[in-house]
PDB file of N, CA and C in Angstrom:
ATOM      1  N   MET A   1     121.217 193.076 180.692  1.00  0.00           N
ATOM      2  CA  MET A   1     121.249 192.576 179.567  1.00  0.00           C
ATOM      3  C   MET A   1     121.802 191.421 179.850  1.00  0.00           C
ATOM      4  N   ARG A   2     123.065 190.996 180.256  1.00  0.00           N
ATOM      5  CA  ARG A   2     123.389 189.845 180.698  1.00  0.00           C
ATOM      6  C   ARG A   2     122.486 188.753 181.234  1.00  0.00           C
ATOM      7  N   MET A   3     121.977 189.393 182.525  1.00  0.00           N
ATOM      8  CA  MET A   3     121.067 188.461 183.176  1.00  0.00           C
ATOM      9  C   MET A   3     119.838 188.019 182.502  1.00  0.00           C
ATOM     10  N   PHE A   4     119.313 188.962 181.406  1.00  0.00           N
ATOM     11  CA  PHE A   4     118.342 188.574 180.440  1.00  0.00           C
ATOM     12  C   PHE A   4     118.636 187.420 179.384  1.00  0.00           C
ATOM     13  N   LEU A   5     119.882 187.943 178.978  1.00  0.00           N
ATOM     14  CA  LEU A   5     120.588 186.446 178.215  1.00  0.00           C
ATOM     15  C   LEU A   5     120.874 185.209 178.975  1.00  0.00           C
ATOM     16  N   ALA A   6     121.036 185.689 180.201  1.00  0.00           N
ATOM     17  CA  ALA A   6     121.294 184.326 180.620  1.00  0.00           C
ATOM     18  C   ALA A   6     119.803 183.202 181.061  1.00  0.00           C
ATOM     19  N   ILE A   7     119.261 184.316 180.970  1.00  0.00           N
ATOM     20  CA  ILE A   7     118.131 183.509 182.061  1.00  0.00           C
ATOM     21  C   ILE A   7     117.002 182.757 180.715  1.00  0.00           C
ATOM     22  N   VAL A   8     117.277 183.576 179.612  1.00  0.00           N
ATOM     23  CA  VAL A   8     116.762 183.059 178.176  1.00  0.00           C
ATOM     24  C   VAL A   8     117.599 181.923 177.906  1.00  0.00           C
ATOM     25  N   TYR A   9     118.653 181.857 177.863  1.00  0.00           N
ATOM     26  CA  TYR A   9     119.308 180.788 177.649  1.00  0.00           C
ATOM     27  C   TYR A   9     119.167 179.513 178.604  1.00  0.00           C
ATOM     28  N   GLY A  10     118.963 179.804 179.717  1.00  0.00           N
ATOM     29  CA  GLY A  10     118.837 178.872 180.560  1.00  0.00           C
ATOM     30  C   GLY A  10     117.439 178.291 180.377  1.00  0.00           C
ATOM     31  N   PHE A  11     116.593 178.893 179.919  1.00  0.00           N
ATOM     32  CA  PHE A  11     114.895 178.217 179.478  1.00  0.00           C
ATOM     33  C   PHE A  11     114.867 177.642 178.002  1.00  0.00           C
ATOM     34  N   LEU A  12     115.645 177.912 177.091  1.00  0.00           N
ATOM     35  CA  LEU A  12     116.190 177.411 175.702  1.00  0.00           C
ATOM     36  C   LEU A  12     116.892 175.689 176.368  1.00  0.00           C
ATOM     37  N   ASN A  13     117.683 175.954 177.242  1.00  0.00           N
ATOM     38  CA  ASN A  13     118.612 174.754 177.862  1.00  0.00           C
ATOM     39  C   ASN A  13     117.289 173.693 177.934  1.00  0.00           C
ATOM     40  N   LEU A  14     116.469 174.281 179.063  1.00  0.00           N
ATOM     41  CA  LEU A  14     115.380 173.279 179.680  1.00  0.00           C
ATOM     42  C   LEU A  14     114.595 172.721 178.695  1.00  0.00           C
ATOM     43  N   VAL A  15     114.401 173.475 177.669  1.00  0.00           N
ATOM     44  CA  VAL A  15     113.192 173.039 176.533  1.00  0.00           C
ATOM     45  C   VAL A  15     113.817 172.286 175.676  1.00  0.00           C
ATOM     46  N   GLY A  16     115.194 171.956 175.829  1.00  0.00           N
ATOM     47  CA  GLY A  16     116.141 171.223 174.892  1.00  0.00           C
ATOM     48  C   GLY A  16     116.542 171.856 173.375  1.00  0.00           C
ATOM     49  N   CYS A  17     116.400 173.304 173.281  1.00  0.00           N
ATOM     50  CA  CYS A  17     116.535 174.037 172.019  1.00  0.00           C
ATOM     51  C   CYS A  17     118.045 174.424 171.989  1.00  0.00           C
ATOM     52  N   THR A  18     118.847 174.081 172.709  1.00  0.00           N
ATOM     53  CA  THR A  18     120.527 174.369 172.445  1.00  0.00           C
ATOM     54  C   THR A  18     121.053 172.660 171.932  1.00  0.00           C
ATOM     55  N   ASP A  19     122.420 173.678 171.410  1.00  0.00           N
ATOM     56  CA  ASP A  19     123.142 172.104 170.957  1.00  0.00           C
ATOM     57  C   ASP A  19     124.611 172.296 171.536  1.00  0.00           C
ATOM     58  N   ALA A  20     124.819 171.183 171.782  1.00  0.00           N
ATOM     59  CA  ALA A  20     126.237 170.996 172.888  1.00  0.00           C
ATOM     60  C   ALA A  20     127.256 171.341 171.738  1.00  0.00           C
ATOM     61  N   GLN A  21     127.096 171.804 170.490  1.00  0.00           N
ATOM     62  CA  GLN A  21     128.163 171.909 169.846  1.00  0.00           C
ATOM     63  C   GLN A  21     127.926 173.519 169.306  1.00  0.00           C
ATOM     64  N   ASN A  22     127.164 174.122 169.851  1.00  0.00           N
ATOM     65  CA  ASN A  22     127.246 175.633 169.807  1.00  0.00           C
ATOM     66  C   ASN A  22     127.047 176.591 171.288  1.00  0.00           C
ATOM     67  N   ARG A  23     128.068 176.915 172.032  1.00  0.00           N
ATOM     68  CA  ARG A  23     128.103 177.165 173.125  1.00  0.00           C
ATOM     69  C   ARG A  23     129.349 178.406 173.188  1.00  0.00           C
ATOM     70  N   ILE A  24     129.033 178.833 174.548  1.00  0.00           N
ATOM     71  CA  ILE A  24     130.282 179.680 175.044  1.00  0.00           C
ATOM     72  C   ILE A  24     130.552 179.591 176.229  1.00  0.00           C
ATOM     73  N   MET A  25     131.940 179.011 176.415  1.00  0.00           N
ATOM     74  CA  MET A  25     132.044 178.798 178.413  1.00  0.00           C
ATOM     75  C   MET A  25     132.962 179.875 178.790  1.00  0.00           C
ATOM     76  N   GLN A  26     132.908 180.518 179.414  1.00  0.00           N
ATOM     77  CA  GLN A  26     133.194 181.639 180.261  1.00  0.00           C
ATOM     78  C   GLN A  26     133.785 181.610 181.742  1.00  0.00           C
ATOM     79  N   VAL A  27     134.899 181.541 182.207  1.00  0.00           N
ATOM     80  CA  VAL A  27     135.683 181.286 183.140  1.00  0.00           C
ATOM     81  C   VAL A  27     135.984 182.037 183.811  1.00  0.00           C
ATOM     82  N   SER A  28     135.869 182.826 184.979  1.00  0.00           N
ATOM     83  CA  SER A  28     136.584 184.101 185.631  1.00  0.00           C
ATOM     84  C   SER A  28     136.586 183.940 187.158  1.00  0.00           C
ATOM     85  N   SER A  29     137.659 184.526 187.471  1.00  0.00           N
ATOM     86  CA  SER A  29     137.409 184.354 189.053  1.00  0.00           C
ATOM     87  C   SER A  29     138.106 185.559 189.432  1.00  0.00           C
ATOM     88  N   SER A  30     137.988 186.321 190.876  1.00  0.00           N
ATOM     89  CA  SER A  30     138.994 187.299 191.220  1.00  0.00           C
ATOM     90  C   SER A  30     139.406 187.418 192.569  1.00  0.00           C
ATOM     91  N   GLU A  31     140.518 187.955 192.961  1.00  0.00           N
ATOM     92  CA  GLU A  31     140.455 187.932 194.517  1.00  0.00           C
ATOM     93  C   GLU A  31     140.697 189.558 194.978  1.00  0.00           C
ATOM     94  N   ASN A  32     139.847 189.581 195.869  1.00  0.00           N
ATOM     95  CA  ASN A  32     140.326 191.282 196.519  1.00  0.00           C
ATOM     96  C   ASN A  32     140.157 192.304 195.335  1.00  0.00           C
ATOM     97  N   GLY A  33     139.419 192.030 194.148  1.00  0.00           N
ATOM     98  CA  GLY A  33     139.095 192.946 193.100  1.00  0.00           C
ATOM     99  C   GLY A  33     140.049 193.018 192.147  1.00  0.00           C
ATOM    100  N   THR A  34     140.981 192.061 192.199  1.00  0.00           N
ATOM    101  CA  THR A  34     142.013 191.523 191.199  1.00  0.00           C
ATOM    102  C   THR A  34     141.339 190.163 190.283  1.00  0.00           C
ATOM    103  N   THR A  35     141.723 190.065 189.040  1.00  0.00           N
ATOM    104  CA  THR A  35     141.205 189.517 188.540  1.00  0.00           C
ATOM    105  C   THR A  35     142.311 188.330 188.228  1.00  0.00           C
ATOM    106  N   VAL A  36     142.291 187.084 188.962  1.00  0.00           N
ATOM    107  CA  VAL A  36     142.890 185.821 188.715  1.00  0.00           C
ATOM    108  C   VAL A  36     142.877 185.235 187.378  1.00  0.00           C
ATOM    109  N   LEU A  37     142.049 184.979 187.171  1.00  0.00           N
ATOM    110  CA  LEU A  37     141.634 184.011 185.858  1.00  0.00           C
ATOM    111  C   LEU A  37     140.407 184.501 185.085  1.00  0.00           C
ATOM    112  N   ASP A  38     140.680 184.797 183.547  1.00  0.00           N
ATOM    113  CA  ASP A  38     139.573 184.932 182.551  1.00  0.00           C
ATOM    114  C   ASP A  38     140.128 184.316 181.249  1.00  0.00           C
ATOM    115  N   ALA A  39     139.202 183.558 180.960  1.00  0.00           N
ATOM    116  CA  ALA A  39     139.208 182.442 179.657  1.00  0.00           C
ATOM    117  C   ALA A  39     137.814 182.115 179.118  1.00  0.00           C
ATOM    118  N   ARG A  40     137.745 182.313 177.852  1.00  0.00           N
ATOM    119  CA  ARG A  40     136.247 182.016 177.167  1.00  0.00           C
ATOM    120  C   ARG A  40     137.061 180.517 175.995  1.00  0.00           C
ATOM    121  N   THR A  41     135.808 180.156 176.088  1.00  0.00           N
ATOM    122  CA  THR A  41     135.850 179.356 175.029  1.00  0.00           C
ATOM    123  C   THR A  41     134.810 179.160 173.974  1.00  0.00           C
ATOM    124  N   ASP A  42     134.765 179.190 172.789  1.00  0.00           N
ATOM    125  CA  ASP A  42     133.851 179.685 171.974  1.00  0.00           C
ATOM    126  C   ASP A  42     133.279 178.377 170.737  1.00  0.00           C
ATOM    127  N   VAL A  43     132.169 177.648 170.955  1.00  0.00           N
ATOM    128  CA  VAL A  43     132.352 176.325 170.484  1.00  0.00           C
ATOM    129  C   VAL A  43     130.959 176.437 169.514  1.00  0.00           C
ATOM    130  N   ASP A  44     131.850 175.997 168.130  1.00  0.00           N
ATOM    131  CA  ASP A  44     130.467 176.004 167.322  1.00  0.00           C
ATOM    132  C   ASP A  44     131.144 174.862 166.128  1.00  0.00           C
ATOM    133  N   LEU A  45     130.017 174.006 166.344  1.00  0.00           N
ATOM    134  CA  LEU A  45     129.548 172.456 165.215  1.00  0.00           C
ATOM    135  C   LEU A  45     131.115 172.006 165.738  1.00  0.00           C
ATOM    136  N   GLY A  46     131.610 171.492 166.689  1.00  0.00           N
ATOM    137  CA  GLY A  46     133.016 170.768 166.875  1.00  0.00           C
ATOM    138  C   GLY A  46     133.936 171.469 166.857  1.00  0.00           C
ATOM    139  N   ARG A  47     133.916 172.979 166.467  1.00  0.00           N
ATOM    140  CA  ARG A  47     135.201 173.751 166.595  1.00  0.00           C
ATOM    141  C   ARG A  47     135.486 174.870 167.360  1.00  0.00           C
ATOM    142  N   ALA A  48     136.415 174.710 168.585  1.00  0.00           N
ATOM    143  CA  ALA A  48     136.812 175.153 169.777  1.00  0.00           C
ATOM    144  C   ALA A  48     137.420 176.376 169.451  1.00  0.00           C
ATOM    145  N   GLU A  49     137.525 177.550 169.891  1.00  0.00           N
ATOM    146  CA  GLU A  49     138.230 178.343 169.982  1.00  0.00           C
ATOM    147  C   GLU A  49     138.525 179.145 171.381  1.00  0.00           C
ATOM    148  N   PHE A  50     139.414 178.732 171.817  1.00  0.00           N
ATOM    149  CA  PHE A  50     140.125 178.651 173.679  1.00  0.00           C
ATOM    150  C   PHE A  50     140.749 180.055 173.275  1.00  0.00           C
ATOM    151  N   THR A  51     140.591 180.708 174.420  1.00  0.00           N
ATOM    152  CA  THR A  51     141.092 182.271 174.541  1.00  0.00           C
ATOM    153  C   THR A  51     141.446 182.777 176.052  1.00  0.00           C
ATOM    154  N   CYS A  52     142.783 182.959 176.299  1.00  0.00           N
ATOM    155  CA  CYS A  52     143.414 183.136 177.453  1.00  0.00           C
ATOM    156  C   CYS A  52     142.991 184.581 177.584  1.00  0.00           C
ATOM    157  N   ASN A  53     142.558 184.996 178.125  1.00  0.00           N
ATOM    158  CA  ASN A  53     142.525 186.911 178.502  1.00  0.00           C
ATOM    159  C   ASN A  53     143.038 187.676 179.619  1.00  0.00           C
ATOM    160  N   ALA A  54     143.126 186.437 180.553  1.00  0.00           N
ATOM    161  CA  ALA A  54     144.030 186.983 181.921  1.00  0.00           C
ATOM    162  C   ALA A  54     144.028 185.813 182.823  1.00  0.00           C
ATOM    163  N   SER A  55     145.467 185.920 183.317  1.00  0.00           N
ATOM    164  CA  SER A  55     145.791 184.837 184.174  1.00  0.00           C
ATOM    165  C   SER A  55     147.071 185.509 185.277  1.00  0.00           C
ATOM    166  N   ARG A  56     147.051 185.424 186.445  1.00  0.00           N
ATOM    167  CA  ARG A  56     147.797 185.852 187.434  1.00  0.00           C
ATOM    168  C   ARG A  56     149.461 185.041 187.371  1.00  0.00           C
ATOM    169  N   SER A  57     149.103 183.861 186.550  1.00  0.00           N
ATOM    170  CA  SER A  57     150.682 183.333 186.281  1.00  0.00           C
ATOM    171  C   SER A  57     151.089 183.671 184.855  1.00  0.00           C
ATOM    172  N   GLY A  58     150.365 184.039 184.133  1.00  0.00           N
ATOM    173  CA  GLY A  58     150.933 184.660 182.957  1.00  0.00           C
ATOM    174  C   GLY A  58     150.273 183.433 181.834  1.00  0.00           C
ATOM    175  N   HIS A  59     149.557 182.581 182.122  1.00  0.00           N
ATOM    176  CA  HIS A  59     149.072 181.158 181.547  1.00  0.00           C
ATOM    177  C   HIS A  59     148.057 180.653 181.725  1.00  0.00           C
ATOM    178  N   CYS A  60     147.111 180.143 180.903  1.00  0.00           N
ATOM    179  CA  CYS A  60     146.222 179.336 181.000  1.00  0.00           C
ATOM    180  C   CYS A  60     146.426 177.862 180.720  1.00  0.00           C
ATOM    181  N   TYR A  61     146.072 176.900 182.016  1.00  0.00           N
ATOM    182  CA  TYR A  61     146.331 175.459 181.342  1.00  0.00           C
ATOM    183  C   TYR A  61     144.932 174.582 181.673  1.00  0.00           C
ATOM    184  N   TYR A  62     144.941 174.110 180.190  1.00  0.00           N
ATOM    185  CA  TYR A  62     143.718 173.864 179.963  1.00  0.00           C
ATOM    186  C   TYR A  62     143.592 172.081 180.059  1.00  0.00           C
ATOM    187  N   ALA A  63     142.417 171.438 180.130  1.00  0.00           N
ATOM    188  CA  ALA A  63     142.558 169.921 180.178  1.00  0.00           C
ATOM    189  C   ALA A  63     140.938 170.113 179.536  1.00  0.00           C
ATOM    190  N   VAL A  64     140.762 168.955 178.562  1.00  0.00           N
ATOM    191  CA  VAL A  64     139.657 168.918 177.895  1.00  0.00           C
ATOM    192  C   VAL A  64     139.173 167.004 177.837  1.00  0.00           C
ATOM    193  N   PHE A  65     138.111 167.408 178.285  1.00  0.00           N
ATOM    194  CA  PHE A  65     137.202 166.210 179.019  1.00  0.00           C
ATOM    195  C   PHE A  65     136.411 165.525 177.744  1.00  0.00           C
ATOM    196  N   TYR A  66     136.033 164.259 177.779  1.00  0.00           N
ATOM    197  CA  TYR A  66     134.539 163.858 177.493  1.00  0.00           C
ATOM    198  C   TYR A  66     134.427 162.345 177.589  1.00  0.00           C
ATOM    199  N   GLU A  67     133.071 162.741 178.072  1.00  0.00           N
ATOM    200  CA  GLU A  67     132.785 161.351 178.809  1.00  0.00           C
ATOM    201  C   GLU A  67     133.571 160.830 180.083  1.00  0.00           C
ATOM    202  N   GLY A  68     134.070 161.727 180.793  1.00  0.00           N
ATOM    203  CA  GLY A  68     134.987 161.468 181.952  1.00  0.00           C
ATOM    204  C   GLY A  68     136.439 161.151 181.598  1.00  0.00           C
ATOM    205  N   LYS A  69     136.779 161.139 180.406  1.00  0.00           N
ATOM    206  CA  LYS A  69     138.005 160.827 180.064  1.00  0.00           C
ATOM    207  C   LYS A  69     139.161 162.314 179.336  1.00  0.00           C
ATOM    208  N   GLU A  70     140.246 162.137 179.797  1.00  0.00           N
ATOM    209  CA  GLU A  70     141.136 163.266 179.313  1.00  0.00           C
ATOM    210  C   GLU A  70     141.355 163.078 177.902  1.00  0.00           C
ATOM    211  N   ILE A  71     141.165 163.944 177.009  1.00  0.00           N
ATOM    212  CA  ILE A  71     141.427 164.033 175.603  1.00  0.00           C
ATOM    213  C   ILE A  71     142.461 164.815 175.227  1.00  0.00           C
ATOM    214  N   ARG A  72     142.616 165.743 175.820  1.00  0.00           N
ATOM    215  CA  ARG A  72     143.387 166.839 175.533  1.00  0.00           C
ATOM    216  C   ARG A  72     144.022 167.809 176.831  1.00  0.00           C
ATOM    217  N   THR A  73     145.279 168.004 176.769  1.00  0.00           N
ATOM    218  CA  THR A  73     145.945 169.076 177.442  1.00  0.00           C
ATOM    219  C   THR A  73     146.591 170.093 176.742  1.00  0.00           C
ATOM    220  N   PHE A  74     146.472 171.470 177.380  1.00  0.00           N
ATOM    221  CA  PHE A  74     147.370 172.360 176.468  1.00  0.00           C
ATOM    222  C   PHE A  74     147.639 173.531 177.504  1.00  0.00           C
ATOM    223  N   VAL A  75     148.543 174.678 177.146  1.00  0.00           N
ATOM    224  CA  VAL A  75     148.547 175.975 177.653  1.00  0.00           C
ATOM    225  C   VAL A  75     148.728 176.976 176.794  1.00  0.00           C
ATOM    226  N   LEU A  76     147.998 178.339 177.229  1.00  0.00           N
ATOM    227  CA  LEU A  76     148.044 179.361 176.328  1.00  0.00           C
ATOM    228  C   LEU A  76     148.407 180.328 177.282  1.00  0.00           C
ATOM    229  N   SER A  77     149.425 181.535 176.838  1.00  0.00           N
ATOM    230  CA  SER A  77     149.771 182.319 177.262  1.00  0.00           C
ATOM    231  C   SER A  77     148.870 183.575 177.509  1.00  0.00           C
ATOM    232  N   VAL A  78     148.531 184.425 178.049  1.00  0.00           N
ATOM    233  CA  VAL A  78     147.656 185.607 178.246  1.00  0.00           C
ATOM    234  C   VAL A  78     147.550 186.260 176.496  1.00  0.00           C
ATOM    235  N   ALA A  79     146.299 186.546 176.138  1.00  0.00           N
ATOM    236  CA  ALA A  79     146.077 187.216 174.718  1.00  0.00           C
ATOM    237  C   ALA A  79     146.117 186.183 173.895  1.00  0.00           C
ATOM    238  N   GLU A  80     146.759 184.458 174.253  1.00  0.00           N
ATOM    239  CA  GLU A  80     146.925 183.822 173.094  1.00  0.00           C
ATOM    240  C   GLU A  80     145.552 182.835 173.203  1.00  0.00           C
ATOM    241  N   ARG A  81     145.219 182.391 171.562  1.00  0.00           N
ATOM    242  CA  ARG A  81     144.325 181.754 171.112  1.00  0.00           C
ATOM    243  C   ARG A  81     144.298 180.489 170.736  1.00  0.00           C
ATOM    244  N   ARG A  82     143.966 179.427 171.085  1.00  0.00           N
ATOM    245  CA  ARG A  82     144.006 178.117 169.861  1.00  0.00           C
ATOM    246  C   ARG A  82     142.681 177.926 169.782  1.00  0.00           C
ATOM    247  N   ARG A  83     142.686 177.292 168.347  1.00  0.00           N
ATOM    248  CA  ARG A  83     141.550 176.560 167.823  1.00  0.00           C
ATOM    249  C   ARG A  83     141.817 175.020 167.509  1.00  0.00           C
ATOM    250  N   LEU A  84     140.641 174.377 167.940  1.00  0.00           N
ATOM    251  CA  LEU A  84     140.527 173.152 167.903  1.00  0.00           C
ATOM    252  C   LEU A  84     139.406 172.497 167.290  1.00  0.00           C
ATOM    253  N   ASP A  85     139.588 171.762 166.195  1.00  0.00           N
ATOM    254  CA  ASP A  85     138.471 171.107 165.266  1.00  0.00           C
ATOM    255  C   ASP A  85     138.298 169.601 165.580  1.00  0.00           C
ATOM    256  N   GLY A  86     136.949 169.394 165.437  1.00  0.00           N
ATOM    257  CA  GLY A  86     137.060 167.971 165.850  1.00  0.00           C
ATOM    258  C   GLY A  86     136.809 167.461 167.156  1.00  0.00           C
ATOM    259  N   LEU A  87     136.517 168.395 167.551  1.00  0.00           N
ATOM    260  CA  LEU A  87     136.042 167.688 169.582  1.00  0.00           C
ATOM    261  C   LEU A  87     134.774 167.337 169.392  1.00  0.00           C
ATOM    262  N   PRO A  88     134.605 166.376 170.340  1.00  0.00           N
ATOM    263  CA  PRO A  88     132.995 166.220 170.170  1.00  0.00           C
ATOM    264  C   PRO A  88     131.997 166.578 170.853  1.00  0.00           C
ATOM    265  N   ALA A  89     131.026 166.316 170.776  1.00  0.00           N
ATOM    266  CA  ALA A  89     129.906 167.377 171.010  1.00  0.00           C
ATOM    267  C   ALA A  89     129.282 167.182 172.689  1.00  0.00           C
ATOM    268  N   GLY A  90     129.597 168.006 173.145  1.00  0.00           N
ATOM    269  CA  GLY A  90     129.196 167.822 174.702  1.00  0.00           C
ATOM    270  C   GLY A  90     130.724 167.627 175.769  1.00  0.00           C
ATOM    271  N   PHE A  91     131.719 168.005 174.818  1.00  0.00           N
ATOM    272  CA  PHE A  91     132.985 167.965 175.739  1.00  0.00           C
ATOM    273  C   PHE A  91     133.110 169.174 176.948  1.00  0.00           C
ATOM    274  N   GLU A  92     133.862 168.631 177.870  1.00  0.00           N
ATOM    275  CA  GLU A  92     133.821 169.777 178.934  1.00  0.00           C
ATOM    276  C   GLU A  92     135.303 170.313 178.900  1.00  0.00           C
ATOM    277  N   GLN A  93     135.713 171.279 179.728  1.00  0.00           N
ATOM    278  CA  GLN A  93     137.038 171.489 180.437  1.00  0.00           C
ATOM    279  C   GLN A  93     136.991 172.072 181.365  1.00  0.00           C
ATOM    280  N   CYS A  94     138.455 171.923 182.131  1.00  0.00           N
ATOM    281  CA  CYS A  94     138.889 172.777 183.080  1.00  0.00           C
ATOM    282  C   CYS A  94     139.851 173.532 182.904  1.00  0.00           C
ATOM    283  N   VAL A  95     140.258 174.990 183.159  1.00  0.00           N
ATOM    284  CA  VAL A  95     140.963 175.922 183.072  1.00  0.00           C
ATOM    285  C   VAL A  95     141.612 176.370 184.343  1.00  0.00           C
ATOM    286  N   GLY A  96     142.896 176.605 184.192  1.00  0.00           N
ATOM    287  CA  GLY A  96     143.508 177.064 185.419  1.00  0.00           C
ATOM    288  C   GLY A  96     144.661 178.143 185.619  1.00  0.00           C
ATOM    289  N   THR A  97     145.231 178.588 186.369  1.00  0.00           N
ATOM    290  CA  THR A  97     146.218 179.316 186.298  1.00  0.00           C
ATOM    291  C   THR A  97     147.562 178.663 186.779  1.00  0.00           C
ATOM    292  N   GLU A  98     148.025 177.222 187.187  1.00  0.00           N
ATOM    293  CA  GLU A  98     148.907 176.543 187.471  1.00  0.00           C
ATOM    294  C   GLU A  98     148.573 175.207 186.848  1.00  0.00           C
ATOM    295  N   PRO A  99     150.115 174.705 186.565  1.00  0.00           N
ATOM    296  CA  PRO A  99     150.104 173.169 186.108  1.00  0.00           C
ATOM    297  C   PRO A  99     149.817 172.195 187.119  1.00  0.00           C
ATOM    298  N   SER A 100     148.618 171.742 186.637  1.00  0.00           N
ATOM    299  CA  SER A 100     148.225 169.941 187.507  1.00  0.00           C
ATOM    300  C   SER A 100     147.819 169.408 187.010  1.00  0.00           C
ATOM    301  N   ARG A 101     147.595 168.300 187.044  1.00  0.00           N
ATOM    302  CA  ARG A 101     146.526 167.292 186.520  1.00  0.00           C
ATOM    303  C   ARG A 101     145.175 167.609 187.046  1.00  0.00           C
ATOM    304  N   MET A 102     144.031 167.308 186.453  1.00  0.00           N
ATOM    305  CA  MET A 102     142.793 167.690 186.988  1.00  0.00           C
ATOM    306  C   MET A 102     141.882 166.531 186.444  1.00  0.00           C
ATOM    307  N   SER A 103     140.755 166.653 187.391  1.00  0.00           N
ATOM    308  CA  SER A 103     139.872 165.025 187.412  1.00  0.00           C
ATOM    309  C   SER A 103     138.641 166.118 186.311  1.00  0.00           C
ATOM    310  N   PRO A 104     137.738 165.450 185.799  1.00  0.00           N
ATOM    311  CA  PRO A 104     137.135 165.906 185.297  1.00  0.00           C
ATOM    312  C   PRO A 104     136.037 166.992 185.648  1.00  0.00           C
ATOM    313  N   SER A 105     136.001 167.164 186.909  1.00  0.00           N
ATOM    314  CA  SER A 105     135.112 167.944 187.905  1.00  0.00           C
ATOM    315  C   SER A 105     135.687 168.982 188.191  1.00  0.00           C
ATOM    316  N   CYS A 106     137.434 169.107 187.740  1.00  0.00           N
ATOM    317  CA  CYS A 106     138.368 170.512 187.486  1.00  0.00           C
ATOM    318  C   CYS A 106     138.968 170.215 189.176  1.00  0.00           C
ATOM    319  N   ARG A 107     139.011 169.309 189.614  1.00  0.00           N
ATOM    320  CA  ARG A 107     140.220 169.284 191.075  1.00  0.00           C
ATOM    321  C   ARG A 107     141.337 168.914 190.337  1.00  0.00           C
ATOM    322  N   SER A 108     142.031 169.500 191.192  1.00  0.00           N
ATOM    323  CA  SER A 108     143.449 169.011 191.239  1.00  0.00           C
ATOM    324  C   SER A 108     143.495 167.300 191.513  1.00  0.00           C
ATOM    325  N   LEU A 109     144.798 166.747 190.944  1.00  0.00           N
ATOM    326  CA  LEU A 109     144.796 165.169 191.497  1.00  0.00           C
ATOM    327  C   LEU A 109     146.126 164.846 192.158  1.00  0.00           C
TER     328      LEU A 109
END
């Protein structure tokens, strides 16, 4: 089912039927079968809810970017949520398990 939804979403995105203000961003990674990071961001009309589901360090470190510029950084503990209002449409995010400055491409600086 997830694969089907991903295909449908991808198709709608190609034909321009999606809105940058209504989306879900899911970040997850694992090593040797152990979850290292699991974070989710639900965006709805400029309101975003960031959720840190799992992190090997116990914290998710976020950097929010718009047009290549960092506009916000914050830290969430595992199981913590934060809602931010008024974010610009099309903002991007990077999330990691350790504190470090990140570039818009999510590489450590």
